[in-house]
Amino acid sequence: MPRFLIVESRRKKMKSISANCSVFSMRANFKKNHAFLKNCRGSLSLNFKGTASILMAIVFILGVFYLYQVNDLATKGYEIREIEKQIASLSQINKSQRIKEVELKSMYNIEKTAENLNLISTQEITYFNLNGPIAMK
C-alpha cells in the first residue's frame, strides 16, 4: 500500500474518531468502545442545541439582571421624589417660622407684651461704676 493511501486512511480514521469525542456522544459510545477516548485530546465540541441552550440561558440571566436594575432605579426615583417633597415642605415651614420670629422680635410686639404683663417702663437709667472686681468673697 503506498504511503499516501496510509496517511489518507489515518486521516479518515482520525476524523471519525474526533467526531466520537463530542460531549453528547461520549456517553453513548462509552459502553461500546473505550478506544475512542485515547484519541480525544480534551476538545469540546457542542452541537447547535447545546449552543442555543447556553445562549438562551445567558439571555435569560441578562434579562433578569436588566429587570432588577430597572426596578431598583424606579424605586430609588420614587424615594428621591418623596424626599424632595419633604424638603420643600420643611423649607416652607422654615420660612414661616422665620417670619414669625421677626414679628415676635419687633418692638411693637415687645411693648404690647409688656403692657399685657403689667410691666412698668423705666424712665431713668442708673449705671454703677466699680473700680475693683465685681464679685468678692
N, C-alpha and C. Protein backbone atom coordinates (compact mmCIF):
# COMPACT_ATOMS: atom_id res chain seq x y z
N MET A 1 0.85 -1.16 0.00
CA MET A 1 0.00 0.00 0.00
C MET A 1 0.91 1.24 0.00
N PRO A 2 0.65 2.16 -0.91
CA PRO A 2 1.52 3.34 -0.94
C PRO A 2 1.34 4.19 0.31
N ARG A 3 2.37 4.95 0.61
CA ARG A 3 2.40 5.77 1.82
C ARG A 3 1.28 6.81 1.81
N PHE A 4 0.98 7.36 0.67
CA PHE A 4 -0.07 8.35 0.54
C PHE A 4 -1.42 7.80 0.98
N LEU A 5 -1.72 6.60 0.62
CA LEU A 5 -3.00 5.98 0.98
C LEU A 5 -3.07 5.67 2.47
N ILE A 6 -1.93 5.31 3.06
CA ILE A 6 -1.91 5.02 4.50
C ILE A 6 -2.21 6.30 5.29
N VAL A 7 -1.56 7.40 4.91
CA VAL A 7 -1.79 8.68 5.59
C VAL A 7 -3.24 9.12 5.41
N GLU A 8 -3.76 8.93 4.19
CA GLU A 8 -5.14 9.32 3.93
C GLU A 8 -6.11 8.48 4.75
N SER A 9 -5.85 7.20 4.87
CA SER A 9 -6.75 6.35 5.67
C SER A 9 -6.65 6.71 7.15
N ARG A 10 -5.47 7.11 7.62
CA ARG A 10 -5.33 7.53 9.02
C ARG A 10 -6.11 8.82 9.28
N ARG A 11 -6.07 9.72 8.31
CA ARG A 11 -6.82 10.98 8.46
C ARG A 11 -8.31 10.70 8.56
N LYS A 12 -8.79 9.80 7.74
CA LYS A 12 -10.21 9.47 7.79
C LYS A 12 -10.58 8.85 9.13
N LYS A 13 -9.71 8.00 9.67
CA LYS A 13 -9.96 7.40 10.98
C LYS A 13 -9.96 8.47 12.07
N MET A 14 -9.02 9.42 11.98
CA MET A 14 -8.94 10.49 12.99
C MET A 14 -10.18 11.37 12.95
N LYS A 15 -10.67 11.66 11.74
CA LYS A 15 -11.89 12.47 11.63
C LYS A 15 -13.07 11.74 12.25
N SER A 16 -13.20 10.46 12.00
CA SER A 16 -14.32 9.72 12.56
C SER A 16 -14.18 9.58 14.06
N ILE A 17 -12.95 9.44 14.54
CA ILE A 17 -12.73 9.31 15.99
C ILE A 17 -12.98 10.65 16.67
N SER A 18 -12.52 11.77 16.07
CA SER A 18 -12.74 13.06 16.71
C SER A 18 -14.22 13.41 16.72
N ALA A 19 -14.98 12.89 15.77
CA ALA A 19 -16.42 13.12 15.81
C ALA A 19 -17.03 12.36 16.99
N ASN A 20 -16.42 11.23 17.37
CA ASN A 20 -16.92 10.48 18.51
C ASN A 20 -16.53 11.10 19.84
N CYS A 21 -15.67 12.11 19.82
CA CYS A 21 -15.19 12.72 21.06
C CYS A 21 -16.10 13.83 21.57
N SER A 22 -17.19 14.10 20.91
CA SER A 22 -18.06 15.17 21.38
C SER A 22 -18.68 14.79 22.72
N VAL A 23 -19.04 15.77 23.46
CA VAL A 23 -19.55 15.56 24.82
C VAL A 23 -20.85 14.78 24.79
N PHE A 24 -21.71 15.05 23.82
CA PHE A 24 -23.02 14.45 23.81
C PHE A 24 -22.99 12.99 23.34
N SER A 25 -22.02 12.65 22.49
CA SER A 25 -21.97 11.26 22.02
C SER A 25 -21.05 10.41 22.88
N MET A 26 -20.35 11.01 23.82
CA MET A 26 -19.39 10.27 24.64
C MET A 26 -20.11 9.25 25.52
N ARG A 27 -21.26 9.59 26.05
CA ARG A 27 -21.97 8.67 26.93
C ARG A 27 -22.47 7.45 26.16
N ALA A 28 -22.95 7.70 24.96
CA ALA A 28 -23.49 6.60 24.18
C ALA A 28 -22.39 5.63 23.75
N ASN A 29 -21.23 6.13 23.42
CA ASN A 29 -20.14 5.29 22.93
C ASN A 29 -19.27 4.74 24.05
N PHE A 30 -19.46 5.18 25.26
CA PHE A 30 -18.58 4.76 26.34
C PHE A 30 -18.70 3.27 26.60
N LYS A 31 -19.90 2.77 26.60
CA LYS A 31 -20.10 1.35 26.87
C LYS A 31 -19.63 0.49 25.70
N LYS A 32 -19.77 1.02 24.49
CA LYS A 32 -19.42 0.24 23.30
C LYS A 32 -17.91 0.09 23.12
N ASN A 33 -17.20 1.21 23.22
CA ASN A 33 -15.79 1.15 22.83
C ASN A 33 -15.01 2.17 23.66
N HIS A 34 -14.01 1.73 24.38
CA HIS A 34 -13.17 2.63 25.17
C HIS A 34 -12.00 3.16 24.36
N ALA A 35 -11.77 2.64 23.19
CA ALA A 35 -10.59 3.02 22.39
C ALA A 35 -10.72 4.43 21.85
N PHE A 36 -11.91 4.91 21.60
CA PHE A 36 -12.04 6.25 21.03
C PHE A 36 -11.61 7.33 22.03
N LEU A 37 -11.63 7.04 23.32
CA LEU A 37 -11.22 8.01 24.33
C LEU A 37 -9.72 8.29 24.28
N LYS A 38 -8.94 7.35 23.78
CA LYS A 38 -7.49 7.56 23.71
C LYS A 38 -7.14 8.67 22.74
N ASN A 39 -7.92 8.85 21.69
CA ASN A 39 -7.62 9.85 20.67
C ASN A 39 -8.25 11.21 20.98
N CYS A 40 -9.10 11.28 21.98
CA CYS A 40 -9.69 12.55 22.37
C CYS A 40 -8.64 13.37 23.08
N ARG A 41 -8.49 14.60 22.68
CA ARG A 41 -7.45 15.44 23.29
C ARG A 41 -8.08 16.58 24.09
N GLY A 42 -9.19 16.37 24.68
CA GLY A 42 -9.82 17.39 25.53
C GLY A 42 -10.56 18.44 24.74
N SER A 43 -10.80 18.21 23.48
CA SER A 43 -11.53 19.20 22.70
C SER A 43 -13.01 19.07 23.03
N LEU A 44 -13.66 20.19 23.09
CA LEU A 44 -15.08 20.22 23.43
C LEU A 44 -15.83 20.74 22.23
N SER A 45 -16.69 19.97 21.72
CA SER A 45 -17.50 20.42 20.59
C SER A 45 -18.95 20.36 21.00
N LEU A 46 -19.67 21.43 20.72
CA LEU A 46 -21.09 21.48 21.06
C LEU A 46 -21.90 21.52 19.78
N ASN A 47 -23.02 20.89 19.80
CA ASN A 47 -23.89 20.95 18.64
C ASN A 47 -24.77 22.20 18.74
N PHE A 48 -25.65 22.36 17.80
CA PHE A 48 -26.49 23.56 17.74
C PHE A 48 -27.41 23.67 18.95
N LYS A 49 -27.96 22.55 19.41
CA LYS A 49 -28.87 22.59 20.56
C LYS A 49 -28.15 23.04 21.82
N GLY A 50 -26.92 22.55 22.02
CA GLY A 50 -26.16 22.95 23.20
C GLY A 50 -25.80 24.42 23.17
N THR A 51 -25.36 24.91 22.01
CA THR A 51 -25.01 26.32 21.87
C THR A 51 -26.25 27.19 22.05
N ALA A 52 -27.34 26.80 21.46
CA ALA A 52 -28.58 27.58 21.58
C ALA A 52 -29.06 27.62 23.03
N SER A 53 -28.96 26.50 23.73
CA SER A 53 -29.42 26.48 25.12
C SER A 53 -28.52 27.35 26.00
N ILE A 54 -27.23 27.35 25.75
CA ILE A 54 -26.32 28.21 26.52
C ILE A 54 -26.62 29.68 26.24
N LEU A 55 -26.84 30.01 24.97
CA LEU A 55 -27.17 31.40 24.63
C LEU A 55 -28.50 31.82 25.24
N MET A 56 -29.47 30.94 25.25
CA MET A 56 -30.77 31.26 25.86
C MET A 56 -30.62 31.48 27.37
N ALA A 57 -29.79 30.67 28.01
CA ALA A 57 -29.56 30.84 29.44
C ALA A 57 -28.90 32.18 29.72
N ILE A 58 -27.93 32.55 28.89
CA ILE A 58 -27.25 33.84 29.07
C ILE A 58 -28.23 34.99 28.86
N VAL A 59 -29.07 34.90 27.82
CA VAL A 59 -30.07 35.95 27.56
C VAL A 59 -31.05 36.03 28.72
N PHE A 60 -31.46 34.89 29.25
CA PHE A 60 -32.39 34.89 30.39
C PHE A 60 -31.77 35.55 31.62
N ILE A 61 -30.53 35.20 31.91
CA ILE A 61 -29.85 35.78 33.08
C ILE A 61 -29.68 37.29 32.90
N LEU A 62 -29.29 37.71 31.71
CA LEU A 62 -29.14 39.15 31.46
C LEU A 62 -30.49 39.86 31.53
N GLY A 63 -31.55 39.21 31.08
CA GLY A 63 -32.89 39.81 31.18
C GLY A 63 -33.33 39.99 32.61
N VAL A 64 -33.08 39.00 33.43
CA VAL A 64 -33.42 39.11 34.86
C VAL A 64 -32.61 40.23 35.51
N PHE A 65 -31.33 40.32 35.19
CA PHE A 65 -30.49 41.38 35.74
C PHE A 65 -30.98 42.75 35.28
N TYR A 66 -31.38 42.87 34.01
CA TYR A 66 -31.90 44.14 33.50
C TYR A 66 -33.18 44.54 34.23
N LEU A 67 -34.10 43.60 34.40
CA LEU A 67 -35.34 43.90 35.12
C LEU A 67 -35.07 44.33 36.56
N TYR A 68 -34.12 43.67 37.21
CA TYR A 68 -33.76 44.05 38.57
C TYR A 68 -33.23 45.48 38.61
N GLN A 69 -32.35 45.83 37.67
CA GLN A 69 -31.78 47.18 37.65
C GLN A 69 -32.85 48.23 37.38
N VAL A 70 -33.75 47.96 36.44
CA VAL A 70 -34.81 48.92 36.12
C VAL A 70 -35.74 49.11 37.32
N ASN A 71 -36.09 48.02 37.99
CA ASN A 71 -36.95 48.10 39.16
C ASN A 71 -36.27 48.86 40.28
N ASP A 72 -35.00 48.60 40.49
CA ASP A 72 -34.25 49.29 41.54
C ASP A 72 -34.16 50.78 41.24
N LEU A 73 -33.93 51.14 39.98
CA LEU A 73 -33.84 52.54 39.59
C LEU A 73 -35.17 53.25 39.78
N ALA A 74 -36.27 52.59 39.42
CA ALA A 74 -37.59 53.20 39.59
C ALA A 74 -37.91 53.40 41.07
N THR A 75 -37.56 52.44 41.89
CA THR A 75 -37.81 52.56 43.33
C THR A 75 -37.01 53.71 43.92
N LYS A 76 -35.76 53.83 43.53
CA LYS A 76 -34.93 54.93 44.06
C LYS A 76 -35.45 56.27 43.57
N GLY A 77 -35.94 56.34 42.32
CA GLY A 77 -36.51 57.58 41.81
C GLY A 77 -37.73 57.99 42.62
N TYR A 78 -38.58 57.02 42.96
CA TYR A 78 -39.75 57.31 43.78
C TYR A 78 -39.34 57.83 45.16
N GLU A 79 -38.35 57.20 45.76
CA GLU A 79 -37.88 57.63 47.08
C GLU A 79 -37.30 59.04 47.01
N ILE A 80 -36.57 59.34 45.95
CA ILE A 80 -35.99 60.68 45.79
C ILE A 80 -37.09 61.72 45.67
N ARG A 81 -38.14 61.42 44.89
CA ARG A 81 -39.26 62.37 44.77
C ARG A 81 -39.94 62.61 46.11
N GLU A 82 -40.13 61.57 46.90
CA GLU A 82 -40.75 61.72 48.22
C GLU A 82 -39.88 62.60 49.14
N ILE A 83 -38.58 62.38 49.11
CA ILE A 83 -37.68 63.18 49.95
C ILE A 83 -37.65 64.63 49.48
N GLU A 84 -37.71 64.85 48.16
CA GLU A 84 -37.75 66.23 47.65
C GLU A 84 -39.03 66.93 48.10
N LYS A 85 -40.16 66.20 48.14
CA LYS A 85 -41.41 66.79 48.63
C LYS A 85 -41.28 67.17 50.11
N GLN A 86 -40.64 66.30 50.90
CA GLN A 86 -40.43 66.60 52.31
C GLN A 86 -39.54 67.83 52.48
N ILE A 87 -38.50 67.94 51.66
CA ILE A 87 -37.60 69.09 51.75
C ILE A 87 -38.36 70.37 51.41
N ALA A 88 -39.20 70.35 50.37
CA ALA A 88 -39.98 71.53 50.01
C ALA A 88 -40.93 71.91 51.13
N SER A 89 -41.57 70.92 51.74
CA SER A 89 -42.49 71.19 52.84
C SER A 89 -41.76 71.79 54.04
N LEU A 90 -40.62 71.21 54.39
CA LEU A 90 -39.87 71.72 55.53
C LEU A 90 -39.28 73.11 55.27
N SER A 91 -38.89 73.39 54.05
CA SER A 91 -38.37 74.74 53.76
C SER A 91 -39.50 75.77 53.84
N GLN A 92 -40.72 75.40 53.45
CA GLN A 92 -41.85 76.31 53.59
C GLN A 92 -42.15 76.57 55.07
N ILE A 93 -42.11 75.53 55.88
CA ILE A 93 -42.31 75.69 57.32
C ILE A 93 -41.20 76.57 57.91
N ASN A 94 -39.99 76.38 57.46
CA ASN A 94 -38.86 77.17 57.95
C ASN A 94 -39.06 78.65 57.62
N LYS A 95 -39.53 78.97 56.40
CA LYS A 95 -39.79 80.36 56.02
C LYS A 95 -40.85 80.99 56.93
N SER A 96 -41.93 80.23 57.16
CA SER A 96 -43.00 80.79 58.00
C SER A 96 -42.52 80.98 59.44
N GLN A 97 -41.67 80.09 59.95
CA GLN A 97 -41.13 80.25 61.30
C GLN A 97 -40.20 81.46 61.40
N ARG A 98 -39.42 81.71 60.36
CA ARG A 98 -38.54 82.90 60.38
C ARG A 98 -39.36 84.19 60.36
N ILE A 99 -40.43 84.19 59.59
CA ILE A 99 -41.30 85.38 59.55
C ILE A 99 -41.94 85.59 60.92
N LYS A 100 -42.37 84.50 61.53
CA LYS A 100 -42.96 84.60 62.87
C LYS A 100 -41.94 85.10 63.88
N GLU A 101 -40.69 84.64 63.77
CA GLU A 101 -39.63 85.09 64.67
C GLU A 101 -39.39 86.59 64.54
N VAL A 102 -39.35 87.09 63.32
CA VAL A 102 -39.14 88.52 63.09
C VAL A 102 -40.30 89.32 63.66
N GLU A 103 -41.52 88.82 63.48
CA GLU A 103 -42.68 89.52 64.03
C GLU A 103 -42.63 89.59 65.55
N LEU A 104 -42.24 88.47 66.18
CA LEU A 104 -42.20 88.46 67.65
C LEU A 104 -41.07 89.32 68.20
N LYS A 105 -40.00 89.48 67.45
CA LYS A 105 -38.88 90.31 67.91
C LYS A 105 -39.10 91.80 67.64
N SER A 106 -40.18 92.13 66.96
CA SER A 106 -40.41 93.55 66.65
C SER A 106 -40.72 94.32 67.92
N MET A 107 -40.39 95.61 67.92
CA MET A 107 -40.57 96.46 69.09
C MET A 107 -42.05 96.60 69.45
N TYR A 108 -42.90 96.63 68.46
CA TYR A 108 -44.34 96.75 68.72
C TYR A 108 -44.83 95.58 69.56
N ASN A 109 -44.46 94.34 69.21
CA ASN A 109 -44.90 93.17 69.97
C ASN A 109 -44.28 93.14 71.36
N ILE A 110 -43.07 93.61 71.51
CA ILE A 110 -42.43 93.64 72.84
C ILE A 110 -43.17 94.61 73.75
N GLU A 111 -43.48 95.80 73.22
CA GLU A 111 -44.22 96.79 74.04
C GLU A 111 -45.63 96.28 74.38
N LYS A 112 -46.29 95.65 73.42
CA LYS A 112 -47.63 95.13 73.66
C LYS A 112 -47.61 94.03 74.72
N THR A 113 -46.61 93.14 74.67
CA THR A 113 -46.49 92.07 75.65
C THR A 113 -46.16 92.65 77.03
N ALA A 114 -45.35 93.70 77.09
CA ALA A 114 -45.02 94.34 78.37
C ALA A 114 -46.26 94.95 79.01
N GLU A 115 -47.12 95.54 78.21
CA GLU A 115 -48.36 96.12 78.75
C GLU A 115 -49.29 95.01 79.26
N ASN A 116 -49.37 93.89 78.52
CA ASN A 116 -50.25 92.79 78.94
C ASN A 116 -49.77 92.14 80.23
N LEU A 117 -48.45 92.18 80.50
CA LEU A 117 -47.91 91.59 81.72
C LEU A 117 -47.83 92.59 82.88
N ASN A 118 -48.35 93.81 82.66
CA ASN A 118 -48.34 94.89 83.66
C ASN A 118 -46.92 95.24 84.10
N LEU A 119 -46.01 95.31 83.17
CA LEU A 119 -44.64 95.73 83.45
C LEU A 119 -44.56 97.25 83.35
N ILE A 120 -43.68 97.83 84.14
CA ILE A 120 -43.53 99.29 84.16
C ILE A 120 -42.31 99.63 83.33
N SER A 121 -42.45 100.59 82.46
CA SER A 121 -41.30 101.01 81.65
C SER A 121 -40.42 101.93 82.49
N THR A 122 -39.16 101.88 82.28
CA THR A 122 -38.21 102.68 83.07
C THR A 122 -38.09 104.06 82.45
N GLN A 123 -38.05 105.05 83.35
CA GLN A 123 -37.88 106.43 82.90
C GLN A 123 -36.42 106.87 83.07
N GLU A 124 -35.82 106.35 84.11
CA GLU A 124 -34.48 106.76 84.48
C GLU A 124 -33.56 105.55 84.50
N ILE A 125 -32.38 105.66 83.90
CA ILE A 125 -31.43 104.57 83.88
C ILE A 125 -30.26 104.97 84.75
N THR A 126 -29.87 104.10 85.69
CA THR A 126 -28.75 104.37 86.59
C THR A 126 -27.66 103.33 86.34
N TYR A 127 -26.42 103.83 86.18
CA TYR A 127 -25.28 102.94 85.95
C TYR A 127 -24.38 102.96 87.16
N PHE A 128 -23.79 101.85 87.53
CA PHE A 128 -22.85 101.74 88.63
C PHE A 128 -21.45 101.60 88.05
N ASN A 129 -20.53 102.39 88.56
CA ASN A 129 -19.13 102.26 88.15
C ASN A 129 -18.34 101.67 89.30
N LEU A 130 -17.77 100.55 89.09
CA LEU A 130 -16.95 99.87 90.09
C LEU A 130 -15.54 99.79 89.58
N ASN A 131 -14.58 100.08 90.44
CA ASN A 131 -13.18 100.03 90.04
C ASN A 131 -12.56 98.64 90.28
N GLY A 132 -13.05 97.93 91.22
CA GLY A 132 -12.48 96.63 91.57
C GLY A 132 -13.28 95.50 90.96
N PRO A 133 -12.95 94.32 91.44
CA PRO A 133 -13.70 93.16 90.94
C PRO A 133 -15.17 93.23 91.38
N ILE A 134 -16.01 92.67 90.59
CA ILE A 134 -17.45 92.78 90.83
C ILE A 134 -17.88 91.82 91.94
N ALA A 135 -17.45 90.59 91.91
CA ALA A 135 -17.85 89.62 92.90
C ALA A 135 -16.68 89.34 93.82
N MET A 136 -16.89 89.47 95.16
CA MET A 136 -15.85 89.20 96.14
C MET A 136 -16.39 88.30 97.20
N LYS A 137 -15.45 87.56 97.83
CA LYS A 137 -15.85 86.71 98.95
C LYS A 137 -15.67 87.42 100.23
